[in-house]
């Protein structure tokens, strides 16, 4: 089933709701990973991509996760329901917020959970490397994961649990997501420091 929310509509919504460049970059990175997984598994790439793009769309406006009415991600879920989004998209966004108590069951849900924190961590890794995302390896990612002070907001447990939920080897999972982000390095600003400085 095709997403009833087009990528163009989703980007318009994200651009309206999210002004932070770093949060936009995160949402675009999760979209890239979701599309790559969808294409590999023969799923609806637009549906998966839009789900990734919008999963944190309300975080800047409504970061209070304890707010039962307007807290993240309840506001974006309500907005998607108002726009007649596919129910599986809304449920996947609910499932990525573990505090809502919606267990990730479908492949779409498990994949969103598996790439969310990892994408944030990979962007952080790329930004401290002279080469950016290029040449980043699972080995160097695992080394950074062992440094509690590096990208401290990223849950190490969530990063590692993601591959387990997909039944995938951790190194293979990390390498696949790195490749997905590298393919969109222009859009994500993940090239070398020199290239970023010139941009």
Protein backbone atom coordinates (compact mmCIF):
# COMPACT_ATOMS: atom_id res chain seq x y z
CA UNK A 1 0.00 0.00 0.00
CA UNK A 2 1.34 3.40 -0.92
CA UNK A 3 1.64 6.10 1.70
CA UNK A 4 -1.24 8.54 1.57
CA UNK A 5 1.23 11.15 2.76
CA UNK A 6 3.66 11.87 -0.03
CA UNK A 7 7.31 12.57 0.56
CA UNK A 8 6.75 16.15 -0.61
CA UNK A 9 3.92 16.63 1.90
CA UNK A 10 6.02 15.07 4.66
CA UNK A 11 8.98 17.36 3.91
CA UNK A 12 6.67 20.40 3.92
CA UNK A 13 5.36 19.37 7.34
CA UNK A 14 8.85 18.72 8.70
CA UNK A 15 10.12 22.05 7.39
CA UNK A 16 7.23 23.85 9.08
CA UNK A 17 7.58 22.09 12.43
CA UNK A 18 11.36 21.67 12.69
CA UNK A 19 13.71 24.66 12.47
CA UNK A 20 16.73 22.97 14.06
CA UNK A 21 19.23 21.95 11.39
CA UNK A 22 20.54 19.09 13.54
CA UNK A 23 17.07 17.63 14.12
CA UNK A 24 16.21 17.94 10.43
CA UNK A 25 19.47 16.14 9.62
CA UNK A 26 18.58 13.37 12.06
CA UNK A 27 15.13 12.93 10.50
CA UNK A 28 16.65 12.85 7.00
CA UNK A 29 19.21 10.27 8.14
CA UNK A 30 16.51 8.02 9.59
CA UNK A 31 14.56 8.42 6.35
CA UNK A 32 17.62 7.36 4.35
CA UNK A 33 18.10 4.26 6.49
CA UNK A 34 14.42 3.35 6.35
CA UNK A 35 14.30 3.66 2.55
CA UNK A 36 17.40 1.47 2.23
CA UNK A 37 15.86 -1.23 4.43
CA UNK A 38 12.54 -1.02 2.56
CA UNK A 39 14.22 -1.41 -0.81
CA UNK A 40 16.28 -4.35 0.41
CA UNK A 41 13.21 -6.09 1.82
CA UNK A 42 10.84 -5.28 -1.03
CA UNK A 43 8.64 -3.01 1.07
CA UNK A 44 6.91 0.31 0.29
CA UNK A 45 9.90 2.66 0.26
CA UNK A 46 7.80 5.82 0.39
CA UNK A 47 5.79 4.61 3.36
CA UNK A 48 8.92 3.55 5.23
CA UNK A 49 10.80 6.71 4.28
CA UNK A 50 8.03 9.08 5.32
CA UNK A 51 7.69 7.21 8.61
CA UNK A 52 11.38 7.79 9.27
CA UNK A 53 11.26 11.40 8.13
CA UNK A 54 8.39 12.31 10.46
CA UNK A 55 9.14 10.14 13.51
CA UNK A 56 10.57 13.10 15.49
CA UNK A 57 8.73 15.91 13.69
CA UNK A 58 7.09 17.20 16.88
CA UNK A 59 10.13 16.91 19.15
CA UNK A 60 11.25 20.53 18.78
CA UNK A 61 7.79 21.94 19.48
CA UNK A 62 6.67 19.44 22.10
CA UNK A 63 9.71 17.84 23.76
CA UNK A 64 7.88 17.02 27.00
CA UNK A 65 7.37 13.27 26.73
CA UNK A 66 5.39 13.25 29.98
CA UNK A 67 2.66 15.48 28.51
CA UNK A 68 -0.10 12.95 27.79
CA UNK A 69 -1.81 15.27 25.30
CA UNK A 70 0.88 17.19 23.46
CA UNK A 71 4.12 15.44 24.35
CA UNK A 72 6.40 13.85 21.76
CA UNK A 73 5.45 11.80 19.73
CA UNK A 74 1.73 12.16 20.48
CA UNK A 75 1.37 15.42 18.56
CA UNK A 76 2.82 14.12 15.29
CA UNK A 77 0.78 10.93 15.68
CA UNK A 78 -2.40 13.01 16.03
CA UNK A 79 -1.44 15.16 13.05
CA UNK A 80 -0.81 12.07 10.90
CA UNK A 81 -4.15 10.58 11.92
CA UNK A 82 -5.82 13.87 10.99
CA UNK A 83 -4.20 13.61 7.57
CA UNK A 84 -5.45 10.04 7.14
CA UNK A 85 -1.98 8.52 7.29
CA UNK A 86 -1.68 4.74 7.09
CA UNK A 87 -2.25 3.24 10.56
CA UNK A 88 1.01 1.30 10.37
CA UNK A 89 2.92 4.59 10.03
CA UNK A 90 1.31 6.01 13.15
CA UNK A 91 1.86 2.81 15.12
CA UNK A 92 5.52 2.64 14.11
CA UNK A 93 6.07 6.17 15.41
CA UNK A 94 4.37 5.16 18.65
CA UNK A 95 6.55 2.05 18.90
CA UNK A 96 9.78 4.03 18.56
CA UNK A 97 8.88 5.83 21.81
CA UNK A 98 9.35 3.02 24.31
CA UNK A 99 7.70 5.00 27.13
CA UNK A 100 4.35 4.73 25.31
CA UNK A 101 4.40 0.99 25.88
CA UNK A 102 3.73 0.05 22.25
CA UNK A 103 5.98 -2.94 21.51
CA UNK A 104 7.64 -2.92 18.07
CA UNK A 105 6.13 -5.93 16.31
CA UNK A 106 6.07 -5.39 12.55
CA UNK A 107 9.21 -5.19 10.45
CA UNK A 108 8.51 -1.50 9.87
CA UNK A 109 8.32 -0.86 13.61
CA UNK A 110 11.39 -2.91 14.48
CA UNK A 111 13.42 -1.23 11.75
CA UNK A 112 12.52 2.29 12.88
CA UNK A 113 13.58 1.43 16.43
CA UNK A 114 16.77 -0.20 15.13
CA UNK A 115 17.95 2.78 13.08
CA UNK A 116 16.77 5.76 15.16
CA UNK A 117 19.48 5.98 17.83
CA UNK A 118 22.09 4.44 15.52
CA UNK A 119 21.64 7.19 12.92
CA UNK A 120 22.20 9.82 15.59
CA UNK A 121 25.35 8.08 16.71
CA UNK A 122 26.71 7.65 13.18
CA UNK A 123 26.21 11.34 12.44
CA UNK A 124 28.15 12.17 15.61
CA UNK A 125 30.94 9.80 14.55
CA UNK A 126 31.10 11.32 11.08
CA UNK A 127 31.36 14.85 12.45
CA UNK A 128 34.51 14.18 14.45
CA UNK A 129 36.32 12.42 11.60
CA UNK A 130 38.35 14.39 9.03
CA UNK A 131 36.88 12.13 6.31
CA UNK A 132 33.30 12.49 7.54
CA UNK A 133 31.17 9.40 6.95
CA UNK A 134 33.55 8.12 4.26
CA UNK A 135 35.57 5.15 5.48
CA UNK A 136 33.64 4.88 8.75
CA UNK A 137 33.67 1.23 9.87
CA UNK A 138 31.68 -0.81 12.41
CA UNK A 139 34.94 -1.32 14.31
CA UNK A 140 35.44 2.42 14.83
CA UNK A 141 31.75 2.84 15.70
CA UNK A 142 32.03 0.17 18.40
CA UNK A 143 35.12 1.89 19.77
CA UNK A 144 33.17 5.15 20.09
CA UNK A 145 30.26 3.32 21.73
CA UNK A 146 32.61 2.34 24.54
CA UNK A 147 33.29 6.02 25.30
CA UNK A 148 30.42 7.11 27.60
CA UNK A 149 31.19 10.80 27.13
CA UNK A 150 30.92 10.64 23.33
CA UNK A 151 27.39 11.43 22.06
CA UNK A 152 26.29 10.79 25.63
CA UNK A 153 22.60 11.34 24.84
CA UNK A 154 22.53 8.27 22.58
CA UNK A 155 21.34 5.13 24.35
CA UNK A 156 23.97 2.42 23.91
CA UNK A 157 21.41 -0.20 24.90
CA UNK A 158 19.04 0.93 22.16
CA UNK A 159 21.79 0.98 19.55
CA UNK A 160 22.81 -2.59 20.33
CA UNK A 161 19.27 -3.90 20.82
CA UNK A 162 18.27 -2.70 17.36
CA UNK A 163 20.29 -5.29 15.50
CA UNK A 164 19.04 -8.00 17.86
CA UNK A 165 15.43 -7.06 17.14
CA UNK A 166 16.09 -7.41 13.42
CA UNK A 167 17.93 -10.69 13.93
CA UNK A 168 20.99 -9.19 12.26
CA UNK A 169 24.68 -9.28 13.11
CA UNK A 170 25.58 -5.96 14.75
CA UNK A 171 28.51 -5.20 12.43
CA UNK A 172 26.40 -5.95 9.35
CA UNK A 173 23.61 -3.73 10.65
CA UNK A 174 25.98 -0.84 11.32
CA UNK A 175 27.69 -1.22 7.94
CA UNK A 176 24.34 -1.23 6.13
CA UNK A 177 23.18 1.97 7.84
CA UNK A 178 26.55 3.65 7.23
CA UNK A 179 26.18 2.87 3.51
CA UNK A 180 22.63 4.27 3.48
CA UNK A 181 23.81 7.54 5.03
CA UNK A 182 26.91 7.75 2.87
CA UNK A 183 24.73 7.49 -0.25
CA UNK A 184 23.05 10.72 0.87
CA UNK A 185 26.14 12.42 2.29
CA UNK A 186 25.48 15.57 0.23
CA UNK A 187 22.03 16.10 1.70
CA UNK A 188 23.14 15.11 5.21
CA UNK A 189 26.32 17.18 5.21
CA UNK A 190 28.46 14.17 6.08
CA UNK A 191 31.39 14.70 3.74
CA UNK A 192 34.91 15.51 4.95
CA UNK A 193 35.61 18.50 7.18
CA UNK A 194 37.29 20.17 4.21
CA UNK A 195 34.21 19.67 2.03
CA UNK A 196 31.92 20.91 4.80
CA UNK A 197 34.09 24.01 5.28
CA UNK A 198 33.94 24.78 1.58
CA UNK A 199 30.17 24.34 1.57
